[in-house]
Protein backbone atom coordinates (compact mmCIF):
# COMPACT_ATOMS: atom_id res chain seq x y z
CA UNK A 1 -2.74 4.29 -4.03
CA UNK A 2 0.78 5.51 -4.74
CA UNK A 3 0.22 8.55 -2.51
CA UNK A 4 -1.00 6.29 0.27
CA UNK A 5 2.11 4.11 -0.09
CA UNK A 6 4.23 7.25 0.25
CA UNK A 7 2.53 8.12 3.53
CA UNK A 8 3.97 5.11 5.36
CA UNK A 9 6.94 6.91 6.99
CA UNK A 10 4.62 9.62 8.31
CA UNK A 11 2.14 7.04 9.61
CA UNK A 12 4.92 5.19 11.41
CA UNK A 13 6.16 8.41 13.00
CA UNK A 14 2.69 9.41 14.17
CA UNK A 15 1.96 5.93 15.52
CA UNK A 16 5.23 5.97 17.48
CA UNK A 17 4.80 9.52 18.72
CA UNK A 18 1.26 8.98 19.94
CA UNK A 19 1.80 5.40 21.15
CA UNK A 20 -0.98 4.38 18.75
CA UNK A 21 0.01 1.18 16.95
CA UNK A 22 -3.60 0.75 15.81
CA UNK A 23 -2.91 3.54 13.29
CA UNK A 24 -0.76 1.12 11.33
CA UNK A 25 -3.59 -1.38 11.08
CA UNK A 26 -5.91 1.39 9.92
CA UNK A 27 -3.31 2.39 7.35
CA UNK A 28 -3.06 -1.20 6.05
CA UNK A 29 -6.84 -1.46 5.87
CA UNK A 30 -7.16 1.80 3.92
CA UNK A 31 -4.37 0.80 1.55
CA UNK A 32 -5.92 -2.63 0.96
CA UNK A 33 -9.28 -0.96 0.30
CA UNK A 34 -7.69 1.34 -2.27
CA UNK A 35 -6.06 -1.67 -3.92
CA UNK A 36 -9.37 -3.51 -4.05
CA UNK A 37 -11.05 -0.56 -5.77
CA UNK A 38 -8.14 -0.23 -8.20
CA UNK A 39 -8.03 -3.94 -9.03
CA UNK A 40 -11.77 -4.07 -9.71
CA UNK A 41 -11.46 -1.33 -12.31
CA UNK A 42 -8.13 -2.05 -14.01
CA UNK A 43 -6.52 -5.03 -15.68
CA UNK A 44 -2.95 -5.51 -14.53
CA UNK A 45 -1.89 -7.56 -17.53
CA UNK A 46 -2.68 -5.71 -20.75
CA UNK A 47 -1.61 -5.67 -24.39
CA UNK A 48 0.54 -2.63 -23.64
CA UNK A 49 3.82 -3.97 -22.23
CA UNK A 50 4.85 -0.64 -20.68
CA UNK A 51 1.50 -0.26 -18.93
CA UNK A 52 1.68 -3.84 -17.67
CA UNK A 53 5.18 -3.25 -16.27
CA UNK A 54 4.08 -0.02 -14.58
CA UNK A 55 1.11 -1.73 -12.97
CA UNK A 56 3.23 -4.67 -11.86
CA UNK A 57 5.71 -2.23 -10.31
CA UNK A 58 2.85 -0.53 -8.46
CA UNK A 59 1.65 -3.88 -7.13
CA UNK A 60 5.20 -4.76 -6.10
CA UNK A 61 5.42 -1.52 -4.13
CA UNK A 62 2.05 -2.28 -2.57
CA UNK A 63 3.13 -5.79 -1.58
CA UNK A 64 6.35 -4.51 -0.02
CA UNK A 65 4.53 -1.75 1.87
CA UNK A 66 1.90 -4.11 3.25
CA UNK A 67 4.51 -6.69 4.27
CA UNK A 68 6.73 -4.09 5.95
CA UNK A 69 3.83 -2.52 7.80
CA UNK A 70 2.49 -5.83 9.04
CA UNK A 71 5.99 -6.88 10.06
CA UNK A 72 6.18 -3.81 12.33
CA UNK A 73 3.17 -5.12 14.23
CA UNK A 74 4.75 -8.50 15.02
């Protein structure tokens, strides 16, 4: 999921270059699908405070990426 988040600038560039805004929606869908798979298999809140903070940071990055990408489409 973190790799996918890191691909956002490249996806934006490709979408702009090819006049293909639908690529951004596909990107959001794929990222949301990865999150769904991750969330089904991992607890975010755990007994390990460091692990919990790391997972919360990952989800924060995900939220920001999804919001920014969807904002581009409006």
